[in-house]
Amino acid sequence: MSAFCGCDVKLDGEPIGKVAIGTYVFADRPAGRHQFIASETLFPGDTTYNFSTEPGRTYFFLVRASERYASVSGVTMMGGLVGGVIASAVTANAANPGPADFFALDEPTARTTLAELQLAQ
């Protein structure tokens, strides 16, 4: 079962947008160390992703639902709120406790993908 979160994304502690299916966000940052944090209302945990950038380069990341998010969402749909609470407790020690996974993309793949998306509001 596949699920996708409507995640609020922060970059270096600053909100940059809500990422949902078919949308993208962007930010201009100086070279150096950075951190994404993805969260979703009512989801018990955040995703933290640390990365470094070099001067003059553009970086692209794909955001997908984490394994934990897919599990909790699936059980919640089948078992209601009680199922969701149980799934949250059972998966609390997952490697990624949050709703999303970030994947770095190469520039040609990213530019093709961006052509199909809309800027998130």
PDB file of N, CA and C in Angstrom:
ATOM      1  N   MET A   1       0.845  -1.170   0.000  1.00  0.00           N
ATOM      2  CA  MET A   1       0.000   0.000   0.000  1.00  0.00           C
ATOM      3  C   MET A   1       0.889   1.231   0.000  1.00  0.00           C
ATOM      4  N   SER A   2       0.550   2.151  -0.803  1.00  0.00           N
ATOM      5  CA  SER A   2       1.323   3.379  -0.916  1.00  0.00           C
ATOM      6  C   SER A   2       0.522   4.531  -0.340  1.00  0.00           C
ATOM      7  N   ALA A   3       1.191   5.407   0.360  1.00  0.00           N
ATOM      8  CA  ALA A   3       0.532   6.588   0.923  1.00  0.00           C
ATOM      9  C   ALA A   3       1.442   7.782   0.715  1.00  0.00           C
ATOM     10  N   PHE A   4       0.862   8.965   0.681  1.00  0.00           N
ATOM     11  CA  PHE A   4       1.666  10.172   0.569  1.00  0.00           C
ATOM     12  C   PHE A   4       1.157  11.189   1.557  1.00  0.00           C
ATOM     13  N   CYS A   5       2.060  11.714   2.310  1.00  0.00           N
ATOM     14  CA  CYS A   5       1.663  12.707   3.309  1.00  0.00           C
ATOM     15  C   CYS A   5       1.586  14.089   2.669  1.00  0.00           C
ATOM     16  N   GLY A   6       0.777  14.946   3.250  1.00  0.00           N
ATOM     17  CA  GLY A   6       0.768  16.362   2.916  1.00  0.00           C
ATOM     18  C   GLY A   6       1.638  17.038   3.957  1.00  0.00           C
ATOM     19  N   CYS A   7       2.944  16.983   3.765  1.00  0.00           N
ATOM     20  CA  CYS A   7       3.899  17.373   4.799  1.00  0.00           C
ATOM     21  C   CYS A   7       4.217  18.857   4.779  1.00  0.00           C
ATOM     22  N   ASP A   8       4.305  19.418   5.979  1.00  0.00           N
ATOM     23  CA  ASP A   8       4.847  20.759   6.146  1.00  0.00           C
ATOM     24  C   ASP A   8       6.354  20.591   6.217  1.00  0.00           C
ATOM     25  N   VAL A   9       7.075  21.346   5.379  1.00  0.00           N
ATOM     26  CA  VAL A   9       8.523  21.199   5.315  1.00  0.00           C
ATOM     27  C   VAL A   9       9.197  22.483   5.784  1.00  0.00           C
ATOM     28  N   LYS A  10      10.196  22.297   6.647  1.00  0.00           N
ATOM     29  CA  LYS A  10      11.034  23.408   7.098  1.00  0.00           C
ATOM     30  C   LYS A  10      12.445  23.150   6.596  1.00  0.00           C
ATOM     31  N   LEU A  11      13.132  24.224   6.237  1.00  0.00           N
ATOM     32  CA  LEU A  11      14.536  24.153   5.859  1.00  0.00           C
ATOM     33  C   LEU A  11      15.300  25.062   6.807  1.00  0.00           C
ATOM     34  N   ASP A  12      16.217  24.493   7.544  1.00  0.00           N
ATOM     35  CA  ASP A  12      16.985  25.235   8.544  1.00  0.00           C
ATOM     36  C   ASP A  12      16.072  25.966   9.526  1.00  0.00           C
ATOM     37  N   GLY A  13      14.978  25.306   9.899  1.00  0.00           N
ATOM     38  CA  GLY A  13      14.053  25.853  10.883  1.00  0.00           C
ATOM     39  C   GLY A  13      13.013  26.810  10.349  1.00  0.00           C
ATOM     40  N   GLU A  14      13.092  27.178   9.066  1.00  0.00           N
ATOM     41  CA  GLU A  14      12.150  28.114   8.447  1.00  0.00           C
ATOM     42  C   GLU A  14      11.146  27.354   7.588  1.00  0.00           C
ATOM     43  N   PRO A  15       9.845  27.586   7.758  1.00  0.00           N
ATOM     44  CA  PRO A  15       8.858  26.923   6.893  1.00  0.00           C
ATOM     45  C   PRO A  15       9.067  27.314   5.427  1.00  0.00           C
ATOM     46  N   ILE A  16       9.071  26.312   4.541  1.00  0.00           N
ATOM     47  CA  ILE A  16       9.192  26.618   3.110  1.00  0.00           C
ATOM     48  C   ILE A  16       7.976  26.164   2.319  1.00  0.00           C
ATOM     49  N   GLY A  17       7.042  25.461   2.949  1.00  0.00           N
ATOM     50  CA  GLY A  17       5.816  25.096   2.254  1.00  0.00           C
ATOM     51  C   GLY A  17       5.284  23.746   2.662  1.00  0.00           C
ATOM     52  N   LYS A  18       4.104  23.463   2.142  1.00  0.00           N
ATOM     53  CA  LYS A  18       3.446  22.173   2.363  1.00  0.00           C
ATOM     54  C   LYS A  18       3.562  21.387   1.061  1.00  0.00           C
ATOM     55  N   VAL A  19       4.223  20.253   1.120  1.00  0.00           N
ATOM     56  CA  VAL A  19       4.439  19.423  -0.058  1.00  0.00           C
ATOM     57  C   VAL A  19       3.347  18.359  -0.117  1.00  0.00           C
ATOM     58  N   ALA A  20       2.658  18.296  -1.240  1.00  0.00           N
ATOM     59  CA  ALA A  20       1.628  17.285  -1.477  1.00  0.00           C
ATOM     60  C   ALA A  20       1.849  16.719  -2.877  1.00  0.00           C
ATOM     61  N   ILE A  21       1.104  15.692  -3.221  1.00  0.00           N
ATOM     62  CA  ILE A  21       1.242  15.078  -4.542  1.00  0.00           C
ATOM     63  C   ILE A  21       1.088  16.141  -5.624  1.00  0.00           C
ATOM     64  N   GLY A  22       2.019  16.161  -6.566  1.00  0.00           N
ATOM     65  CA  GLY A  22       1.941  17.066  -7.709  1.00  0.00           C
ATOM     66  C   GLY A  22       2.443  18.471  -7.453  1.00  0.00           C
ATOM     67  N   THR A  23       3.106  18.702  -6.300  1.00  0.00           N
ATOM     68  CA  THR A  23       3.599  20.046  -5.997  1.00  0.00           C
ATOM     69  C   THR A  23       5.088  20.020  -5.675  1.00  0.00           C
ATOM     70  N   TYR A  24       5.685  21.212  -5.652  1.00  0.00           N
ATOM     71  CA  TYR A  24       7.072  21.340  -5.222  1.00  0.00           C
ATOM     72  C   TYR A  24       7.245  22.663  -4.490  1.00  0.00           C
ATOM     73  N   VAL A  25       8.317  22.765  -3.738  1.00  0.00           N
ATOM     74  CA  VAL A  25       8.719  24.011  -3.092  1.00  0.00           C
ATOM     75  C   VAL A  25      10.188  24.222  -3.426  1.00  0.00           C
ATOM     76  N   PHE A  26      10.648  25.455  -3.283  1.00  0.00           N
ATOM     77  CA  PHE A  26      12.069  25.704  -3.502  1.00  0.00           C
ATOM     78  C   PHE A  26      12.557  26.758  -2.525  1.00  0.00           C
ATOM     79  N   ALA A  27      13.867  26.784  -2.328  1.00  0.00           N
ATOM     80  CA  ALA A  27      14.483  27.773  -1.451  1.00  0.00           C
ATOM     81  C   ALA A  27      15.901  28.012  -1.938  1.00  0.00           C
ATOM     82  N   ASP A  28      16.371  29.225  -1.776  1.00  0.00           N
ATOM     83  CA  ASP A  28      17.739  29.588  -2.130  1.00  0.00           C
ATOM     84  C   ASP A  28      18.527  29.702  -0.828  1.00  0.00           C
ATOM     85  N   ARG A  29      19.549  28.883  -0.681  1.00  0.00           N
ATOM     86  CA  ARG A  29      20.347  28.874   0.535  1.00  0.00           C
ATOM     87  C   ARG A  29      21.823  28.927   0.180  1.00  0.00           C
ATOM     88  N   PRO A  30      22.642  29.495   1.051  1.00  0.00           N
ATOM     89  CA  PRO A  30      24.085  29.505   0.808  1.00  0.00           C
ATOM     90  C   PRO A  30      24.665  28.099   0.972  1.00  0.00           C
ATOM     91  N   ALA A  31      25.863  27.917   0.471  1.00  0.00           N
ATOM     92  CA  ALA A  31      26.543  26.634   0.622  1.00  0.00           C
ATOM     93  C   ALA A  31      26.746  26.345   2.103  1.00  0.00           C
ATOM     94  N   GLY A  32      26.766  25.065   2.424  1.00  0.00           N
ATOM     95  CA  GLY A  32      27.001  24.677   3.816  1.00  0.00           C
ATOM     96  C   GLY A  32      26.089  23.556   4.257  1.00  0.00           C
ATOM     97  N   ARG A  33      25.972  23.422   5.568  1.00  0.00           N
ATOM     98  CA  ARG A  33      25.157  22.364   6.157  1.00  0.00           C
ATOM     99  C   ARG A  33      23.724  22.849   6.325  1.00  0.00           C
ATOM    100  N   HIS A  34      22.783  21.951   6.016  1.00  0.00           N
ATOM    101  CA  HIS A  34      21.363  22.304   6.084  1.00  0.00           C
ATOM    102  C   HIS A  34      20.566  21.140   6.653  1.00  0.00           C
ATOM    103  N   GLN A  35      19.314  21.447   7.016  1.00  0.00           N
ATOM    104  CA  GLN A  35      18.448  20.418   7.580  1.00  0.00           C
ATOM    105  C   GLN A  35      17.005  20.627   7.138  1.00  0.00           C
ATOM    106  N   PHE A  36      16.412  19.554   6.607  1.00  0.00           N
ATOM    107  CA  PHE A  36      14.969  19.520   6.353  1.00  0.00           C
ATOM    108  C   PHE A  36      14.295  18.900   7.571  1.00  0.00           C
ATOM    109  N   ILE A  37      13.106  19.397   7.889  1.00  0.00           N
ATOM    110  CA  ILE A  37      12.231  18.747   8.862  1.00  0.00           C
ATOM    111  C   ILE A  37      10.857  18.671   8.222  1.00  0.00           C
ATOM    112  N   ALA A  38      10.305  17.465   8.157  1.00  0.00           N
ATOM    113  CA  ALA A  38       8.962  17.257   7.609  1.00  0.00           C
ATOM    114  C   ALA A  38       8.047  16.811   8.742  1.00  0.00           C
ATOM    115  N   SER A  39       6.871  17.423   8.790  1.00  0.00           N
ATOM    116  CA  SER A  39       5.889  17.045   9.806  1.00  0.00           C
ATOM    117  C   SER A  39       4.507  17.066   9.178  1.00  0.00           C
ATOM    118  N   GLU A  40       3.596  16.405   9.840  1.00  0.00           N
ATOM    119  CA  GLU A  40       2.214  16.412   9.381  1.00  0.00           C
ATOM    120  C   GLU A  40       1.310  16.493  10.604  1.00  0.00           C
ATOM    121  N   THR A  41       0.280  17.308  10.510  1.00  0.00           N
ATOM    122  CA  THR A  41      -0.669  17.455  11.599  1.00  0.00           C
ATOM    123  C   THR A  41      -1.201  16.085  12.008  1.00  0.00           C
ATOM    124  N   LEU A  42      -1.229  15.841  13.276  1.00  0.00           N
ATOM    125  CA  LEU A  42      -1.735  14.609  13.892  1.00  0.00           C
ATOM    126  C   LEU A  42      -0.849  13.380  13.681  1.00  0.00           C
ATOM    127  N   PHE A  43       0.298  13.524  12.988  1.00  0.00           N
ATOM    128  CA  PHE A  43       1.192  12.368  12.856  1.00  0.00           C
ATOM    129  C   PHE A  43       2.224  12.435  13.978  1.00  0.00           C
ATOM    130  N   PRO A  44       2.433  11.333  14.705  1.00  0.00           N
ATOM    131  CA  PRO A  44       3.288  11.351  15.894  1.00  0.00           C
ATOM    132  C   PRO A  44       4.778  11.217  15.601  1.00  0.00           C
ATOM    133  N   GLY A  45       5.377  12.229  15.043  1.00  0.00           N
ATOM    134  CA  GLY A  45       6.812  12.195  14.779  1.00  0.00           C
ATOM    135  C   GLY A  45       7.177  13.083  13.610  1.00  0.00           C
ATOM    136  N   ASP A  46       8.427  13.513  13.574  1.00  0.00           N
ATOM    137  CA  ASP A  46       8.950  14.348  12.494  1.00  0.00           C
ATOM    138  C   ASP A  46      10.083  13.616  11.794  1.00  0.00           C
ATOM    139  N   THR A  47      10.280  13.944  10.526  1.00  0.00           N
ATOM    140  CA  THR A  47      11.419  13.443   9.771  1.00  0.00           C
ATOM    141  C   THR A  47      12.476  14.531   9.759  1.00  0.00           C
ATOM    142  N   THR A  48      13.707  14.175  10.067  1.00  0.00           N
ATOM    143  CA  THR A  48      14.833  15.107  10.006  1.00  0.00           C
ATOM    144  C   THR A  48      15.824  14.561   8.988  1.00  0.00           C
ATOM    145  N   TYR A  49      16.271  15.435   8.066  1.00  0.00           N
ATOM    146  CA  TYR A  49      17.215  15.022   7.025  1.00  0.00           C
ATOM    147  C   TYR A  49      18.305  16.089   6.939  1.00  0.00           C
ATOM    148  N   ASN A  50      19.539  15.706   7.235  1.00  0.00           N
ATOM    149  CA  ASN A  50      20.673  16.628   7.189  1.00  0.00           C
ATOM    150  C   ASN A  50      21.457  16.423   5.897  1.00  0.00           C
ATOM    151  N   PHE A  51      21.924  17.537   5.323  1.00  0.00           N
ATOM    152  CA  PHE A  51      22.700  17.457   4.086  1.00  0.00           C
ATOM    153  C   PHE A  51      23.596  18.686   3.966  1.00  0.00           C
ATOM    154  N   SER A  52      24.575  18.601   3.078  1.00  0.00           N
ATOM    155  CA  SER A  52      25.490  19.715   2.819  1.00  0.00           C
ATOM    156  C   SER A  52      25.417  20.105   1.357  1.00  0.00           C
ATOM    157  N   THR A  53      25.622  21.394   1.091  1.00  0.00           N
ATOM    158  CA  THR A  53      25.607  21.892  -0.282  1.00  0.00           C
ATOM    159  C   THR A  53      26.923  22.593  -0.602  1.00  0.00           C
ATOM    160  N   GLU A  54      27.226  22.649  -1.894  1.00  0.00           N
ATOM    161  CA  GLU A  54      28.432  23.312  -2.382  1.00  0.00           C
ATOM    162  C   GLU A  54      28.038  24.570  -3.141  1.00  0.00           C
ATOM    163  N   PRO A  55      28.930  25.567  -3.211  1.00  0.00           N
ATOM    164  CA  PRO A  55      28.614  26.809  -3.927  1.00  0.00           C
ATOM    165  C   PRO A  55      28.333  26.552  -5.407  1.00  0.00           C
ATOM    166  N   GLY A  56      27.349  27.267  -5.957  1.00  0.00           N
ATOM    167  CA  GLY A  56      27.057  27.227  -7.381  1.00  0.00           C
ATOM    168  C   GLY A  56      26.276  26.021  -7.861  1.00  0.00           C
ATOM    169  N   ARG A  57      25.873  25.141  -6.985  1.00  0.00           N
ATOM    170  CA  ARG A  57      25.125  23.946  -7.389  1.00  0.00           C
ATOM    171  C   ARG A  57      23.663  24.074  -7.005  1.00  0.00           C
ATOM    172  N   THR A  58      22.821  23.369  -7.754  1.00  0.00           N
ATOM    173  CA  THR A  58      21.397  23.280  -7.444  1.00  0.00           C
ATOM    174  C   THR A  58      21.124  21.857  -6.974  1.00  0.00           C
ATOM    175  N   TYR A  59      20.355  21.742  -5.909  1.00  0.00           N
ATOM    176  CA  TYR A  59      20.042  20.432  -5.332  1.00  0.00           C
ATOM    177  C   TYR A  59      18.548  20.184  -5.408  1.00  0.00           C
ATOM    178  N   PHE A  60      18.187  18.939  -5.681  1.00  0.00           N
ATOM    179  CA  PHE A  60      16.787  18.544  -5.809  1.00  0.00           C
ATOM    180  C   PHE A  60      16.534  17.335  -4.911  1.00  0.00           C
ATOM    181  N   PHE A  61      15.389  17.341  -4.249  1.00  0.00           N
ATOM    182  CA  PHE A  61      15.017  16.228  -3.381  1.00  0.00           C
ATOM    183  C   PHE A  61      13.586  15.813  -3.670  1.00  0.00           C
ATOM    184  N   LEU A  62      13.373  14.526  -3.726  1.00  0.00           N
ATOM    185  CA  LEU A  62      12.040  13.958  -3.855  1.00  0.00           C
ATOM    186  C   LEU A  62      11.562  13.617  -2.447  1.00  0.00           C
ATOM    187  N   VAL A  63      10.301  13.905  -2.161  1.00  0.00           N
ATOM    188  CA  VAL A  63       9.723  13.588  -0.855  1.00  0.00           C
ATOM    189  C   VAL A  63       8.674  12.504  -1.057  1.00  0.00           C
ATOM    190  N   ARG A  64       8.815  11.428  -0.308  1.00  0.00           N
ATOM    191  CA  ARG A  64       7.844  10.327  -0.353  1.00  0.00           C
ATOM    192  C   ARG A  64       7.409   9.997   1.065  1.00  0.00           C
ATOM    193  N   ALA A  65       6.262   9.347   1.171  1.00  0.00           N
ATOM    194  CA  ALA A  65       5.791   8.890   2.476  1.00  0.00           C
ATOM    195  C   ALA A  65       6.778   7.871   3.041  1.00  0.00           C
ATOM    196  N   SER A  66       7.054   7.990   4.325  1.00  0.00           N
ATOM    197  CA  SER A  66       7.944   7.029   4.978  1.00  0.00           C
ATOM    198  C   SER A  66       7.222   5.697   5.171  1.00  0.00           C
ATOM    199  N   GLU A  67       8.003   4.678   5.435  1.00  0.00           N
ATOM    200  CA  GLU A  67       7.426   3.353   5.693  1.00  0.00           C
ATOM    201  C   GLU A  67       6.503   3.415   6.912  1.00  0.00           C
ATOM    202  N   ARG A  68       6.911   4.153   7.927  1.00  0.00           N
ATOM    203  CA  ARG A  68       6.072   4.277   9.126  1.00  0.00           C
ATOM    204  C   ARG A  68       4.758   4.975   8.797  1.00  0.00           C
ATOM    205  N   TYR A  69       4.832   6.033   7.986  1.00  0.00           N
ATOM    206  CA  TYR A  69       3.612   6.761   7.624  1.00  0.00           C
ATOM    207  C   TYR A  69       2.644   5.843   6.876  1.00  0.00           C
ATOM    208  N   ALA A  70       3.173   5.081   5.933  1.00  0.00           N
ATOM    209  CA  ALA A  70       2.322   4.163   5.170  1.00  0.00           C
ATOM    210  C   ALA A  70       1.689   3.119   6.088  1.00  0.00           C
ATOM    211  N   SER A  71       2.459   2.602   7.041  1.00  0.00           N
ATOM    212  CA  SER A  71       1.930   1.598   7.972  1.00  0.00           C
ATOM    213  C   SER A  71       0.844   2.175   8.864  1.00  0.00           C
ATOM    214  N   VAL A  72       1.127   3.316   9.480  1.00  0.00           N
ATOM    215  CA  VAL A  72       0.154   3.930  10.391  1.00  0.00           C
ATOM    216  C   VAL A  72      -1.105   4.333   9.632  1.00  0.00           C
ATOM    217  N   SER A  73      -0.946   4.910   8.448  1.00  0.00           N
ATOM    218  CA  SER A  73      -2.109   5.327   7.651  1.00  0.00           C
ATOM    219  C   SER A  73      -2.960   4.133   7.245  1.00  0.00           C
ATOM    220  N   GLY A  74      -2.304   3.067   6.814  1.00  0.00           N
ATOM    221  CA  GLY A  74      -3.037   1.872   6.396  1.00  0.00           C
ATOM    222  C   GLY A  74      -3.820   1.245   7.534  1.00  0.00           C
ATOM    223  N   VAL A  75      -3.188   1.129   8.693  1.00  0.00           N
ATOM    224  CA  VAL A  75      -3.868   0.540   9.849  1.00  0.00           C
ATOM    225  C   VAL A  75      -4.992   1.457  10.323  1.00  0.00           C
ATOM    226  N   THR A  76      -4.783   2.764  10.269  1.00  0.00           N
ATOM    227  CA  THR A  76      -5.824   3.710  10.675  1.00  0.00           C
ATOM    228  C   THR A  76      -7.043   3.580   9.771  1.00  0.00           C
ATOM    229  N   MET A  77      -6.821   3.411   8.464  1.00  0.00           N
ATOM    230  CA  MET A  77      -7.947   3.245   7.543  1.00  0.00           C
ATOM    231  C   MET A  77      -8.720   1.960   7.840  1.00  0.00           C
ATOM    232  N   MET A  78      -7.997   0.914   8.201  1.00  0.00           N
ATOM    233  CA  MET A  78      -8.644  -0.375   8.465  1.00  0.00           C
ATOM    234  C   MET A  78      -9.206  -0.461   9.882  1.00  0.00           C
ATOM    235  N   GLY A  79      -8.485   0.087  10.859  1.00  0.00           N
ATOM    236  CA  GLY A  79      -8.871  -0.098  12.252  1.00  0.00           C
ATOM    237  C   GLY A  79      -9.329   1.154  12.965  1.00  0.00           C
ATOM    238  N   GLY A  80      -9.468   2.248  12.233  1.00  0.00           N
ATOM    239  CA  GLY A  80      -9.932   3.484  12.846  1.00  0.00           C
ATOM    240  C   GLY A  80      -8.904   4.088  13.783  1.00  0.00           C
ATOM    241  N   LEU A  81      -9.354   4.977  14.629  1.00  0.00           N
ATOM    242  CA  LEU A  81      -8.475   5.705  15.537  1.00  0.00           C
ATOM    243  C   LEU A  81      -7.712   4.766  16.467  1.00  0.00           C
ATOM    244  N   VAL A  82      -8.383   3.761  16.994  1.00  0.00           N
ATOM    245  CA  VAL A  82      -7.714   2.811  17.892  1.00  0.00           C
ATOM    246  C   VAL A  82      -6.590   2.093  17.146  1.00  0.00           C
ATOM    247  N   GLY A  83      -6.851   1.677  15.908  1.00  0.00           N
ATOM    248  CA  GLY A  83      -5.818   1.034  15.099  1.00  0.00           C
ATOM    249  C   GLY A  83      -4.643   1.958  14.858  1.00  0.00           C
ATOM    250  N   GLY A  84      -4.930   3.236  14.597  1.00  0.00           N
ATOM    251  CA  GLY A  84      -3.869   4.217  14.376  1.00  0.00           C
ATOM    252  C   GLY A  84      -3.006   4.417  15.602  1.00  0.00           C
ATOM    253  N   VAL A  85      -3.630   4.465  16.774  1.00  0.00           N
ATOM    254  CA  VAL A  85      -2.880   4.621  18.024  1.00  0.00           C
ATOM    255  C   VAL A  85      -1.989   3.405  18.259  1.00  0.00           C
ATOM    256  N   ILE A  86      -2.526   2.218  18.023  1.00  0.00           N
ATOM    257  CA  ILE A  86      -1.736   0.993  18.201  1.00  0.00           C
ATOM    258  C   ILE A  86      -0.580   0.959  17.206  1.00  0.00           C
ATOM    259  N   ALA A  87      -0.845   1.284  15.944  1.00  0.00           N
ATOM    260  CA  ALA A  87       0.216   1.291  14.924  1.00  0.00           C
ATOM    261  C   ALA A  87       1.284   2.318  15.262  1.00  0.00           C
ATOM    262  N   SER A  88       0.882   3.476  15.776  1.00  0.00           N
ATOM    263  CA  SER A  88       1.852   4.504  16.170  1.00  0.00           C
ATOM    264  C   SER A  88       2.764   3.987  17.270  1.00  0.00           C
ATOM    265  N   ALA A  89       2.178   3.304  18.243  1.00  0.00           N
ATOM    266  CA  ALA A  89       2.970   2.769  19.352  1.00  0.00           C
ATOM    267  C   ALA A  89       3.918   1.670  18.879  1.00  0.00           C
ATOM    268  N   VAL A  90       3.423   0.780  18.036  1.00  0.00           N
ATOM    269  CA  VAL A  90       4.228  -0.343  17.557  1.00  0.00           C
ATOM    270  C   VAL A  90       5.393   0.136  16.699  1.00  0.00           C
ATOM    271  N   THR A  91       5.199   1.206  15.934  1.00  0.00           N
ATOM    272  CA  THR A  91       6.247   1.697  15.027  1.00  0.00           C
ATOM    273  C   THR A  91       7.043   2.857  15.612  1.00  0.00           C
ATOM    274  N   ALA A  92       6.862   3.164  16.887  1.00  0.00           N
ATOM    275  CA  ALA A  92       7.507   4.328  17.506  1.00  0.00           C
ATOM    276  C   ALA A  92       9.028   4.289  17.426  1.00  0.00           C
ATOM    277  N   ASN A  93       9.628   3.119  17.361  1.00  0.00           N
ATOM    278  CA  ASN A  93      11.087   3.013  17.299  1.00  0.00           C
ATOM    279  C   ASN A  93      11.608   2.835  15.880  1.00  0.00           C
ATOM    280  N   ALA A  94      10.813   3.191  14.890  1.00  0.00           N
ATOM    281  CA  ALA A  94      11.243   3.085  13.492  1.00  0.00           C
ATOM    282  C   ALA A  94      12.476   3.963  13.266  1.00  0.00           C
ATOM    283  N   ALA A  95      13.311   3.582  12.312  1.00  0.00           N
ATOM    284  CA  ALA A  95      14.509   4.364  12.002  1.00  0.00           C
ATOM    285  C   ALA A  95      14.149   5.805  11.652  1.00  0.00           C
ATOM    286  N   ASN A  96      13.052   5.994  10.939  1.00  0.00           N
ATOM    287  CA  ASN A  96      12.551   7.326  10.617  1.00  0.00           C
ATOM    288  C   ASN A  96      11.183   7.463  11.288  1.00  0.00           C
ATOM    289  N   PRO A  97      11.096   8.225  12.377  1.00  0.00           N
ATOM    290  CA  PRO A  97       9.825   8.341  13.092  1.00  0.00           C
ATOM    291  C   PRO A  97       8.814   9.260  12.417  1.00  0.00           C
ATOM    292  N   GLY A  98       9.232   9.952  11.373  1.00  0.00           N
ATOM    293  CA  GLY A  98       8.369  10.947  10.745  1.00  0.00           C
ATOM    294  C   GLY A  98       7.598  10.454   9.546  1.00  0.00           C
ATOM    295  N   PRO A  99       6.862  11.378   8.915  1.00  0.00           N
ATOM    296  CA  PRO A  99       5.963  11.010   7.828  1.00  0.00           C
ATOM    297  C   PRO A  99       6.596  10.921   6.446  1.00  0.00           C
ATOM    298  N   ALA A 100       7.831  11.374   6.279  1.00  0.00           N
ATOM    299  CA  ALA A 100       8.395  11.472   4.927  1.00  0.00           C
ATOM    300  C   ALA A 100       9.819  10.941   4.860  1.00  0.00           C
ATOM    301  N   ASP A 101      10.231  10.586   3.657  1.00  0.00           N
ATOM    302  CA  ASP A 101      11.624  10.284   3.347  1.00  0.00           C
ATOM    303  C   ASP A 101      12.065  11.256   2.264  1.00  0.00           C
ATOM    304  N   PHE A 102      13.300  11.739   2.356  1.00  0.00           N
ATOM    305  CA  PHE A 102      13.870  12.635   1.350  1.00  0.00           C
ATOM    306  C   PHE A 102      14.879  11.853   0.527  1.00  0.00           C
ATOM    307  N   PHE A 103      14.804  12.008  -0.799  1.00  0.00           N
ATOM    308  CA  PHE A 103      15.725  11.341  -1.715  1.00  0.00           C
ATOM    309  C   PHE A 103      16.350  12.393  -2.625  1.00  0.00           C
ATOM    310  N   ALA A 104      17.682  12.439  -2.666  1.00  0.00           N
ATOM    311  CA  ALA A 104      18.374  13.360  -3.566  1.00  0.00           C
ATOM    312  C   ALA A 104      18.206  12.865  -5.006  1.00  0.00           C
ATOM    313  N   LEU A 105      17.919  13.797  -5.932  1.00  0.00           N
ATOM    314  CA  LEU A 105      17.764  13.463  -7.351  1.00  0.00           C
ATOM    315  C   LEU A 105      18.876  14.115  -8.157  1.00  0.00           C
ATOM    316  N   ASP A 106      19.289  13.458  -9.242  1.00  0.00           N
ATOM    317  CA  ASP A 106      20.234  14.091 -10.150  1.00  0.00           C
ATOM    318  C   ASP A 106      19.487  15.169 -10.941  1.00  0.00           C
ATOM    319  N   GLU A 107      20.221  16.143 -11.457  1.00  0.00           N
ATOM    320  CA  GLU A 107      19.589  17.298 -12.098  1.00  0.00           C
ATOM    321  C   GLU A 107      18.725  16.954 -13.309  1.00  0.00           C
ATOM    322  N   PRO A 108      19.158  16.102 -14.254  1.00  0.00           N
ATOM    323  CA  PRO A 108      18.282  15.792 -15.396  1.00  0.00           C
ATOM    324  C   PRO A 108      16.949  15.167 -14.967  1.00  0.00           C
ATOM    325  N   THR A 109      16.999  14.226 -14.036  1.00  0.00           N
ATOM    326  CA  THR A 109      15.765  13.601 -13.540  1.00  0.00           C
ATOM    327  C   THR A 109      14.883  14.636 -12.864  1.00  0.00           C
ATOM    328  N   ALA A 110      15.489  15.480 -12.049  1.00  0.00           N
ATOM    329  CA  ALA A 110      14.726  16.494 -11.319  1.00  0.00           C
ATOM    330  C   ALA A 110      14.062  17.490 -12.258  1.00  0.00           C
ATOM    331  N   ARG A 111      14.766  17.949 -13.269  1.00  0.00           N
ATOM    332  CA  ARG A 111      14.184  18.943 -14.184  1.00  0.00           C
ATOM    333  C   ARG A 111      13.009  18.349 -14.968  1.00  0.00           C
ATOM    334  N   THR A 112      13.108  17.079 -15.350  1.00  0.00           N
ATOM    335  CA  THR A 112      11.989  16.408 -16.020  1.00  0.00           C
ATOM    336  C   THR A 112      10.794  16.316 -15.077  1.00  0.00           C
ATOM    337  N   THR A 113      11.046  15.949 -13.845  1.00  0.00           N
ATOM    338  CA  THR A 113       9.983  15.830 -12.842  1.00  0.00           C
ATOM    339  C   THR A 113       9.353  17.185 -12.552  1.00  0.00           C
ATOM    340  N   LEU A 114      10.157  18.232 -12.414  1.00  0.00           N
ATOM    341  CA  LEU A 114       9.636  19.574 -12.115  1.00  0.00           C
ATOM    342  C   LEU A 114       8.680  20.077 -13.184  1.00  0.00           C
ATOM    343  N   ALA A 115       8.922  19.699 -14.426  1.00  0.00           N
ATOM    344  CA  ALA A 115       8.060  20.148 -15.522  1.00  0.00           C
ATOM    345  C   ALA A 115       6.625  19.649 -15.351  1.00  0.00           C
ATOM    346  N   GLU A 116       6.442  18.594 -14.561  1.00  0.00           N
ATOM    347  CA  GLU A 116       5.118  18.004 -14.363  1.00  0.00           C
ATOM    348  C   GLU A 116       4.446  18.466 -13.069  1.00  0.00           C
ATOM    349  N   LEU A 117       5.103  19.297 -12.288  1.00  0.00           N
ATOM    350  CA  LEU A 117       4.588  19.687 -10.973  1.00  0.00           C
ATOM    351  C   LEU A 117       4.143  21.140 -10.932  1.00  0.00           C
ATOM    352  N   GLN A 118       3.431  21.492  -9.867  1.00  0.00           N
ATOM    353  CA  GLN A 118       3.012  22.872  -9.631  1.00  0.00           C
ATOM    354  C   GLN A 118       3.668  23.361  -8.355  1.00  0.00           C
ATOM    355  N   LEU A 119       3.974  24.649  -8.309  1.00  0.00           N
ATOM    356  CA  LEU A 119       4.546  25.256  -7.118  1.00  0.00           C
ATOM    357  C   LEU A 119       3.515  25.234  -5.997  1.00  0.00           C
ATOM    358  N   ALA A 120       3.893  24.704  -4.840  1.00  0.00           N
ATOM    359  CA  ALA A 120       2.983  24.653  -3.691  1.00  0.00           C
ATOM    360  C   ALA A 120       2.744  26.061  -3.167  1.00  0.00           C
ATOM    361  N   GLN A 121       1.566  26.279  -2.652  1.00  0.00           N
ATOM    362  CA  GLN A 121       1.204  27.596  -2.106  1.00  0.00           C
ATOM    363  C   GLN A 121       1.607  27.713  -0.664  1.00  0.00           C
TER     364      GLN A 121
END
